[in-house]
Amino acid sequence: AAVTLKTLGRGGLGALVDAVCSLAHAFAGLVDAHPGFELHAPPAISTVLFRPAGATDDAVAAVRRALLGTGRAVLGRARADGRL
């Protein structure tokens, strides 16, 4: 963190955080508008929690592994309301 702050400066780090949060909110809007996805809740900061609509936990896990394997996306694993 110290290297990042020294490199970007206080204003630069703040701008980076603002940009990341803005992108998260824009992505959440796209997810929410798409019938193939379920948005768990609007992002509080930069994490967007979503899943394919109607998918089982096994299907969600398989999609996540496939995307990670191809390098097309990095999706974290989270549990909300007892589901992946």
PDB file of N, CA and C in Angstrom:
ATOM      1  N   ALA A   1       0.818  -1.188   0.000  1.00  0.00           N
ATOM      2  CA  ALA A   1       0.000   0.000   0.000  1.00  0.00           C
ATOM      3  C   ALA A   1       0.867   1.259   0.000  1.00  0.00           C
ATOM      4  N   ALA A   2       1.976   1.207   0.726  1.00  0.00           N
ATOM      5  CA  ALA A   2       2.846   2.381   0.800  1.00  0.00           C
ATOM      6  C   ALA A   2       3.441   2.711  -0.561  1.00  0.00           C
ATOM      7  N   VAL A   3       3.806   1.679  -1.322  1.00  0.00           N
ATOM      8  CA  VAL A   3       4.371   1.907  -2.657  1.00  0.00           C
ATOM      9  C   VAL A   3       3.313   2.515  -3.569  1.00  0.00           C
ATOM     10  N   THR A   4       2.100   2.005  -3.485  1.00  0.00           N
ATOM     11  CA  THR A   4       1.011   2.536  -4.309  1.00  0.00           C
ATOM     12  C   THR A   4       0.757   4.001  -3.972  1.00  0.00           C
ATOM     13  N   LEU A   5       0.690   4.305  -2.697  1.00  0.00           N
ATOM     14  CA  LEU A   5       0.453   5.689  -2.282  1.00  0.00           C
ATOM     15  C   LEU A   5       1.597   6.595  -2.726  1.00  0.00           C
ATOM     16  N   LYS A   6       2.823   6.112  -2.591  1.00  0.00           N
ATOM     17  CA  LYS A   6       3.980   6.918  -3.002  1.00  0.00           C
ATOM     18  C   LYS A   6       3.982   7.136  -4.513  1.00  0.00           C
ATOM     19  N   THR A   7       3.613   6.101  -5.268  1.00  0.00           N
ATOM     20  CA  THR A   7       3.622   6.188  -6.729  1.00  0.00           C
ATOM     21  C   THR A   7       2.502   7.074  -7.259  1.00  0.00           C
ATOM     22  N   LEU A   8       1.289   6.855  -6.763  1.00  0.00           N
ATOM     23  CA  LEU A   8       0.123   7.578  -7.284  1.00  0.00           C
ATOM     24  C   LEU A   8      -0.130   8.905  -6.575  1.00  0.00           C
ATOM     25  N   GLY A   9       0.324   9.004  -5.353  1.00  0.00           N
ATOM     26  CA  GLY A   9      -0.009  10.177  -4.553  1.00  0.00           C
ATOM     27  C   GLY A   9      -1.418  10.042  -4.003  1.00  0.00           C
ATOM     28  N   ARG A  10      -1.722  10.886  -3.047  1.00  0.00           N
ATOM     29  CA  ARG A  10      -3.033  10.820  -2.403  1.00  0.00           C
ATOM     30  C   ARG A  10      -4.171  11.052  -3.403  1.00  0.00           C
ATOM     31  N   GLY A  11      -4.021  12.065  -4.230  1.00  0.00           N
ATOM     32  CA  GLY A  11      -5.060  12.374  -5.219  1.00  0.00           C
ATOM     33  C   GLY A  11      -5.200  11.290  -6.263  1.00  0.00           C
ATOM     34  N   GLY A  12      -4.077  10.745  -6.707  1.00  0.00           N
ATOM     35  CA  GLY A  12      -4.116   9.679  -7.705  1.00  0.00           C
ATOM     36  C   GLY A  12      -4.760   8.419  -7.173  1.00  0.00           C
ATOM     37  N   LEU A  13      -4.455   8.078  -5.919  1.00  0.00           N
ATOM     38  CA  LEU A  13      -5.060   6.894  -5.308  1.00  0.00           C
ATOM     39  C   LEU A  13      -6.559   7.100  -5.129  1.00  0.00           C
ATOM     40  N   GLY A  14      -6.945   8.289  -4.707  1.00  0.00           N
ATOM     41  CA  GLY A  14      -8.370   8.595  -4.572  1.00  0.00           C
ATOM     42  C   GLY A  14      -9.092   8.509  -5.907  1.00  0.00           C
ATOM     43  N   ALA A  15      -8.461   9.016  -6.959  1.00  0.00           N
ATOM     44  CA  ALA A  15      -9.059   8.952  -8.300  1.00  0.00           C
ATOM     45  C   ALA A  15      -9.190   7.509  -8.768  1.00  0.00           C
ATOM     46  N   LEU A  16      -8.196   6.680  -8.447  1.00  0.00           N
ATOM     47  CA  LEU A  16      -8.253   5.267  -8.823  1.00  0.00           C
ATOM     48  C   LEU A  16      -9.405   4.560  -8.118  1.00  0.00           C
ATOM     49  N   VAL A  17      -9.560   4.808  -6.831  1.00  0.00           N
ATOM     50  CA  VAL A  17     -10.667   4.211  -6.076  1.00  0.00           C
ATOM     51  C   VAL A  17     -12.003   4.678  -6.651  1.00  0.00           C
ATOM     52  N   ASP A  18     -12.131   5.959  -6.933  1.00  0.00           N
ATOM     53  CA  ASP A  18     -13.368   6.484  -7.524  1.00  0.00           C
ATOM     54  C   ASP A  18     -13.665   5.820  -8.864  1.00  0.00           C
ATOM     55  N   ALA A  19     -12.645   5.636  -9.693  1.00  0.00           N
ATOM     56  CA  ALA A  19     -12.837   5.026 -11.012  1.00  0.00           C
ATOM     57  C   ALA A  19     -13.275   3.573 -10.883  1.00  0.00           C
ATOM     58  N   VAL A  20     -12.647   2.836  -9.972  1.00  0.00           N
ATOM     59  CA  VAL A  20     -13.003   1.426  -9.777  1.00  0.00           C
ATOM     60  C   VAL A  20     -14.438   1.305  -9.263  1.00  0.00           C
ATOM     61  N   CYS A  21     -14.817   2.142  -8.332  1.00  0.00           N
ATOM     62  CA  CYS A  21     -16.189   2.110  -7.811  1.00  0.00           C
ATOM     63  C   CYS A  21     -17.194   2.483  -8.894  1.00  0.00           C
ATOM     64  N   SER A  22     -16.848   3.432  -9.713  1.00  0.00           N
ATOM     65  CA  SER A  22     -17.715   3.845 -10.820  1.00  0.00           C
ATOM     66  C   SER A  22     -17.903   2.702 -11.817  1.00  0.00           C
ATOM     67  N   LEU A  23     -16.817   2.017 -12.132  1.00  0.00           N
ATOM     68  CA  LEU A  23     -16.908   0.862 -13.036  1.00  0.00           C
ATOM     69  C   LEU A  23     -17.763  -0.245 -12.431  1.00  0.00           C
ATOM     70  N   ALA A  24     -17.629  -0.474 -11.135  1.00  0.00           N
ATOM     71  CA  ALA A  24     -18.433  -1.502 -10.467  1.00  0.00           C
ATOM     72  C   ALA A  24     -19.919  -1.171 -10.562  1.00  0.00           C
ATOM     73  N   HIS A  25     -20.265   0.080 -10.342  1.00  0.00           N
ATOM     74  CA  HIS A  25     -21.677   0.483 -10.428  1.00  0.00           C
ATOM     75  C   HIS A  25     -22.199   0.374 -11.863  1.00  0.00           C
ATOM     76  N   ALA A  26     -21.384   0.727 -12.831  1.00  0.00           N
ATOM     77  CA  ALA A  26     -21.796   0.600 -14.234  1.00  0.00           C
ATOM     78  C   ALA A  26     -21.992  -0.867 -14.599  1.00  0.00           C
ATOM     79  N   PHE A  27     -21.069  -1.727 -14.169  1.00  0.00           N
ATOM     80  CA  PHE A  27     -21.195  -3.155 -14.450  1.00  0.00           C
ATOM     81  C   PHE A  27     -22.435  -3.731 -13.767  1.00  0.00           C
ATOM     82  N   ALA A  28     -22.685  -3.330 -12.533  1.00  0.00           N
ATOM     83  CA  ALA A  28     -23.876  -3.800 -11.822  1.00  0.00           C
ATOM     84  C   ALA A  28     -25.147  -3.403 -12.573  1.00  0.00           C
ATOM     85  N   GLY A  29     -25.159  -2.219 -13.152  1.00  0.00           N
ATOM     86  CA  GLY A  29     -26.308  -1.790 -13.948  1.00  0.00           C
ATOM     87  C   GLY A  29     -26.521  -2.670 -15.165  1.00  0.00           C
ATOM     88  N   LEU A  30     -25.426  -3.051 -15.819  1.00  0.00           N
ATOM     89  CA  LEU A  30     -25.526  -3.954 -16.975  1.00  0.00           C
ATOM     90  C   LEU A  30     -26.037  -5.325 -16.553  1.00  0.00           C
ATOM     91  N   VAL A  31     -25.517  -5.830 -15.437  1.00  0.00           N
ATOM     92  CA  VAL A  31     -25.959  -7.135 -14.924  1.00  0.00           C
ATOM     93  C   VAL A  31     -27.438  -7.080 -14.587  1.00  0.00           C
ATOM     94  N   ASP A  32     -27.851  -6.046 -13.882  1.00  0.00           N
ATOM     95  CA  ASP A  32     -29.244  -5.911 -13.455  1.00  0.00           C
ATOM     96  C   ASP A  32     -30.197  -5.823 -14.641  1.00  0.00           C
ATOM     97  N   ALA A  33     -29.756  -5.211 -15.726  1.00  0.00           N
ATOM     98  CA  ALA A  33     -30.607  -5.044 -16.911  1.00  0.00           C
ATOM     99  C   ALA A  33     -30.651  -6.294 -17.791  1.00  0.00           C
ATOM    100  N   HIS A  34     -29.757  -7.243 -17.565  1.00  0.00           N
ATOM    101  CA  HIS A  34     -29.674  -8.432 -18.422  1.00  0.00           C
ATOM    102  C   HIS A  34     -30.524  -9.559 -17.838  1.00  0.00           C
ATOM    103  N   PRO A  35     -31.441 -10.111 -18.626  1.00  0.00           N
ATOM    104  CA  PRO A  35     -32.311 -11.166 -18.100  1.00  0.00           C
ATOM    105  C   PRO A  35     -31.576 -12.471 -17.771  1.00  0.00           C
ATOM    106  N   GLY A  36     -30.370 -12.627 -18.254  1.00  0.00           N
ATOM    107  CA  GLY A  36     -29.622 -13.859 -18.001  1.00  0.00           C
ATOM    108  C   GLY A  36     -28.834 -13.850 -16.706  1.00  0.00           C
ATOM    109  N   PHE A  37     -28.899 -12.743 -15.957  1.00  0.00           N
ATOM    110  CA  PHE A  37     -28.142 -12.640 -14.709  1.00  0.00           C
ATOM    111  C   PHE A  37     -29.019 -12.147 -13.571  1.00  0.00           C
ATOM    112  N   GLU A  38     -28.619 -12.494 -12.353  1.00  0.00           N
ATOM    113  CA  GLU A  38     -29.265 -11.990 -11.141  1.00  0.00           C
ATOM    114  C   GLU A  38     -28.229 -11.175 -10.369  1.00  0.00           C
ATOM    115  N   LEU A  39     -28.553  -9.934 -10.056  1.00  0.00           N
ATOM    116  CA  LEU A  39     -27.698  -9.083  -9.231  1.00  0.00           C
ATOM    117  C   LEU A  39     -28.144  -9.251  -7.789  1.00  0.00           C
ATOM    118  N   HIS A  40     -27.217  -9.609  -6.895  1.00  0.00           N
ATOM    119  CA  HIS A  40     -27.584  -9.818  -5.488  1.00  0.00           C
ATOM    120  C   HIS A  40     -27.987  -8.495  -4.832  1.00  0.00           C
ATOM    121  N   ALA A  41     -27.189  -7.461  -5.034  1.00  0.00           N
ATOM    122  CA  ALA A  41     -27.458  -6.136  -4.462  1.00  0.00           C
ATOM    123  C   ALA A  41     -26.552  -5.129  -5.155  1.00  0.00           C
ATOM    124  N   PRO A  42     -26.926  -3.870  -5.146  1.00  0.00           N
ATOM    125  CA  PRO A  42     -26.013  -2.863  -5.705  1.00  0.00           C
ATOM    126  C   PRO A  42     -24.691  -2.886  -4.934  1.00  0.00           C
ATOM    127  N   PRO A  43     -23.574  -2.651  -5.609  1.00  0.00           N
ATOM    128  CA  PRO A  43     -22.286  -2.704  -4.908  1.00  0.00           C
ATOM    129  C   PRO A  43     -22.148  -1.571  -3.893  1.00  0.00           C
ATOM    130  N   ALA A  44     -21.606  -1.915  -2.720  1.00  0.00           N
ATOM    131  CA  ALA A  44     -21.341  -0.900  -1.697  1.00  0.00           C
ATOM    132  C   ALA A  44     -20.064  -0.144  -2.043  1.00  0.00           C
ATOM    133  N   ILE A  45     -19.081  -0.862  -2.576  1.00  0.00           N
ATOM    134  CA  ILE A  45     -17.832  -0.222  -2.990  1.00  0.00           C
ATOM    135  C   ILE A  45     -17.491  -0.718  -4.385  1.00  0.00           C
ATOM    136  N   SER A  46     -16.727  -1.814  -4.483  1.00  0.00           N
ATOM    137  CA  SER A  46     -16.268  -2.242  -5.813  1.00  0.00           C
ATOM    138  C   SER A  46     -16.584  -3.691  -6.148  1.00  0.00           C
ATOM    139  N   THR A  47     -17.227  -4.421  -5.253  1.00  0.00           N
ATOM    140  CA  THR A  47     -17.536  -5.825  -5.512  1.00  0.00           C
ATOM    141  C   THR A  47     -18.955  -5.948  -6.047  1.00  0.00           C
ATOM    142  N   VAL A  48     -19.093  -6.648  -7.176  1.00  0.00           N
ATOM    143  CA  VAL A  48     -20.405  -6.880  -7.779  1.00  0.00           C
ATOM    144  C   VAL A  48     -20.726  -8.359  -7.620  1.00  0.00           C
ATOM    145  N   LEU A  49     -21.750  -8.664  -6.842  1.00  0.00           N
ATOM    146  CA  LEU A  49     -22.142 -10.042  -6.576  1.00  0.00           C
ATOM    147  C   LEU A  49     -23.317 -10.391  -7.479  1.00  0.00           C
ATOM    148  N   PHE A  50     -23.068 -11.322  -8.410  1.00  0.00           N
ATOM    149  CA  PHE A  50     -24.098 -11.709  -9.373  1.00  0.00           C
ATOM    150  C   PHE A  50     -23.931 -13.179  -9.720  1.00  0.00           C
ATOM    151  N   ARG A  51     -24.940 -13.733 -10.398  1.00  0.00           N
ATOM    152  CA  ARG A  51     -24.906 -15.125 -10.836  1.00  0.00           C
ATOM    153  C   ARG A  51     -25.794 -15.277 -12.061  1.00  0.00           C
ATOM    154  N   PRO A  52     -25.578 -16.342 -12.843  1.00  0.00           N
ATOM    155  CA  PRO A  52     -26.492 -16.607 -13.953  1.00  0.00           C
ATOM    156  C   PRO A  52     -27.896 -16.868 -13.392  1.00  0.00           C
ATOM    157  N   ALA A  53     -28.899 -16.327 -14.017  1.00  0.00           N
ATOM    158  CA  ALA A  53     -30.276 -16.483 -13.547  1.00  0.00           C
ATOM    159  C   ALA A  53     -30.684 -17.952 -13.560  1.00  0.00           C
ATOM    160  N   GLY A  54     -31.237 -18.402 -12.442  1.00  0.00           N
ATOM    161  CA  GLY A  54     -31.763 -19.749 -12.348  1.00  0.00           C
ATOM    162  C   GLY A  54     -30.727 -20.859 -12.314  1.00  0.00           C
ATOM    163  N   ALA A  55     -29.460 -20.524 -12.241  1.00  0.00           N
ATOM    164  CA  ALA A  55     -28.401 -21.540 -12.283  1.00  0.00           C
ATOM    165  C   ALA A  55     -28.242 -22.222 -10.928  1.00  0.00           C
ATOM    166  N   THR A  56     -27.872 -23.489 -10.977  1.00  0.00           N
ATOM    167  CA  THR A  56     -27.555 -24.220  -9.755  1.00  0.00           C
ATOM    168  C   THR A  56     -26.164 -23.811  -9.273  1.00  0.00           C
ATOM    169  N   ASP A  57     -25.867 -24.114  -8.019  1.00  0.00           N
ATOM    170  CA  ASP A  57     -24.528 -23.823  -7.494  1.00  0.00           C
ATOM    171  C   ASP A  57     -23.453 -24.555  -8.291  1.00  0.00           C
ATOM    172  N   ASP A  58     -23.749 -25.794  -8.706  1.00  0.00           N
ATOM    173  CA  ASP A  58     -22.775 -26.552  -9.504  1.00  0.00           C
ATOM    174  C   ASP A  58     -22.511 -25.865 -10.842  1.00  0.00           C
ATOM    175  N   ALA A  59     -23.558 -25.340 -11.466  1.00  0.00           N
ATOM    176  CA  ALA A  59     -23.392 -24.646 -12.747  1.00  0.00           C
ATOM    177  C   ALA A  59     -22.592 -23.357 -12.560  1.00  0.00           C
ATOM    178  N   VAL A  60     -22.872 -22.624 -11.488  1.00  0.00           N
ATOM    179  CA  VAL A  60     -22.132 -21.386 -11.207  1.00  0.00           C
ATOM    180  C   VAL A  60     -20.651 -21.704 -11.009  1.00  0.00           C
ATOM    181  N   ALA A  61     -20.358 -22.755 -10.245  1.00  0.00           N
ATOM    182  CA  ALA A  61     -18.964 -23.148 -10.002  1.00  0.00           C
ATOM    183  C   ALA A  61     -18.278 -23.555 -11.301  1.00  0.00           C
ATOM    184  N   ALA A  62     -18.991 -24.266 -12.168  1.00  0.00           N
ATOM    185  CA  ALA A  62     -18.413 -24.705 -13.446  1.00  0.00           C
ATOM    186  C   ALA A  62     -18.111 -23.513 -14.358  1.00  0.00           C
ATOM    187  N   VAL A  63     -19.011 -22.557 -14.416  1.00  0.00           N
ATOM    188  CA  VAL A  63     -18.792 -21.355 -15.237  1.00  0.00           C
ATOM    189  C   VAL A  63     -17.591 -20.580 -14.707  1.00  0.00           C
ATOM    190  N   ARG A  64     -17.513 -20.436 -13.399  1.00  0.00           N
ATOM    191  CA  ARG A  64     -16.387 -19.719 -12.790  1.00  0.00           C
ATOM    192  C   ARG A  64     -15.063 -20.397 -13.131  1.00  0.00           C
ATOM    193  N   ARG A  65     -15.011 -21.720 -12.969  1.00  0.00           N
ATOM    194  CA  ARG A  65     -13.776 -22.455 -13.287  1.00  0.00           C
ATOM    195  C   ARG A  65     -13.411 -22.315 -14.753  1.00  0.00           C
ATOM    196  N   ALA A  66     -14.397 -22.399 -15.634  1.00  0.00           N
ATOM    197  CA  ALA A  66     -14.138 -22.295 -17.076  1.00  0.00           C
ATOM    198  C   ALA A  66     -13.572 -20.917 -17.429  1.00  0.00           C
ATOM    199  N   LEU A  67     -14.159 -19.865 -16.880  1.00  0.00           N
ATOM    200  CA  LEU A  67     -13.670 -18.511 -17.164  1.00  0.00           C
ATOM    201  C   LEU A  67     -12.265 -18.293 -16.602  1.00  0.00           C
ATOM    202  N   LEU A  68     -12.014 -18.797 -15.413  1.00  0.00           N
ATOM    203  CA  LEU A  68     -10.669 -18.697 -14.837  1.00  0.00           C
ATOM    204  C   LEU A  68      -9.665 -19.463 -15.692  1.00  0.00           C
ATOM    205  N   GLY A  69     -10.066 -20.642 -16.161  1.00  0.00           N
ATOM    206  CA  GLY A  69      -9.186 -21.489 -16.967  1.00  0.00           C
ATOM    207  C   GLY A  69      -8.800 -20.869 -18.294  1.00  0.00           C
ATOM    208  N   THR A  70      -9.706 -20.107 -18.883  1.00  0.00           N
ATOM    209  CA  THR A  70      -9.415 -19.473 -20.171  1.00  0.00           C
ATOM    210  C   THR A  70      -8.683 -18.146 -20.002  1.00  0.00           C
ATOM    211  N   GLY A  71      -8.694 -17.614 -18.795  1.00  0.00           N
ATOM    212  CA  GLY A  71      -8.070 -16.318 -18.556  1.00  0.00           C
ATOM    213  C   GLY A  71      -8.932 -15.145 -18.995  1.00  0.00           C
ATOM    214  N   ARG A  72     -10.186 -15.397 -19.332  1.00  0.00           N
ATOM    215  CA  ARG A  72     -11.073 -14.322 -19.800  1.00  0.00           C
ATOM    216  C   ARG A  72     -11.624 -13.478 -18.666  1.00  0.00           C
ATOM    217  N   ALA A  73     -11.690 -14.073 -17.478  1.00  0.00           N
ATOM    218  CA  ALA A  73     -12.242 -13.335 -16.342  1.00  0.00           C
ATOM    219  C   ALA A  73     -11.694 -13.915 -15.050  1.00  0.00           C
ATOM    220  N   VAL A  74     -11.624 -13.090 -14.054  1.00  0.00           N
ATOM    221  CA  VAL A  74     -11.261 -13.535 -12.714  1.00  0.00           C
ATOM    222  C   VAL A  74     -12.472 -13.263 -11.834  1.00  0.00           C
ATOM    223  N   LEU A  75     -13.137 -14.325 -11.449  1.00  0.00           N
ATOM    224  CA  LEU A  75     -14.340 -14.208 -10.638  1.00  0.00           C
ATOM    225  C   LEU A  75     -14.070 -14.823  -9.274  1.00  0.00           C
ATOM    226  N   GLY A  76     -14.339 -14.070  -8.234  1.00  0.00           N
ATOM    227  CA  GLY A  76     -14.191 -14.604  -6.888  1.00  0.00           C
ATOM    228  C   GLY A  76     -15.345 -15.534  -6.567  1.00  0.00           C
ATOM    229  N   ARG A  77     -15.168 -16.309  -5.514  1.00  0.00           N
ATOM    230  CA  ARG A  77     -16.230 -17.215  -5.079  1.00  0.00           C
ATOM    231  C   ARG A  77     -16.832 -16.632  -3.808  1.00  0.00           C
ATOM    232  N   ALA A  78     -18.131 -16.472  -3.813  1.00  0.00           N
ATOM    233  CA  ALA A  78     -18.816 -15.913  -2.648  1.00  0.00           C
ATOM    234  C   ALA A  78     -20.097 -16.694  -2.407  1.00  0.00           C
ATOM    235  N   ARG A  79     -20.577 -16.620  -1.199  1.00  0.00           N
ATOM    236  CA  ARG A  79     -21.836 -17.246  -0.843  1.00  0.00           C
ATOM    237  C   ARG A  79     -22.762 -16.158  -0.307  1.00  0.00           C
ATOM    238  N   ALA A  80     -23.975 -16.128  -0.827  1.00  0.00           N
ATOM    239  CA  ALA A  80     -24.984 -15.181  -0.349  1.00  0.00           C
ATOM    240  C   ALA A  80     -26.310 -15.914  -0.274  1.00  0.00           C
ATOM    241  N   ASP A  81     -27.005 -15.736   0.804  1.00  0.00           N
ATOM    242  CA  ASP A  81     -28.286 -16.422   1.008  1.00  0.00           C
ATOM    243  C   ASP A  81     -28.137 -17.930   0.859  1.00  0.00           C
ATOM    244  N   GLY A  82     -26.978 -18.467   1.273  1.00  0.00           N
ATOM    245  CA  GLY A  82     -26.749 -19.910   1.217  1.00  0.00           C
ATOM    246  C   GLY A  82     -26.427 -20.458  -0.155  1.00  0.00           C
ATOM    247  N   ARG A  83     -26.262 -19.594  -1.148  1.00  0.00           N
ATOM    248  CA  ARG A  83     -25.968 -20.032  -2.522  1.00  0.00           C
ATOM    249  C   ARG A  83     -24.644 -19.456  -2.974  1.00  0.00           C
ATOM    250  N   LEU A  84     -24.023 -20.159  -3.965  1.00  0.00           N
ATOM    251  CA  LEU A  84     -22.800 -19.633  -4.571  1.00  0.00           C
ATOM    252  C   LEU A  84     -23.150 -18.471  -5.460  1.00  0.00           C
TER     253      LEU A  84
END
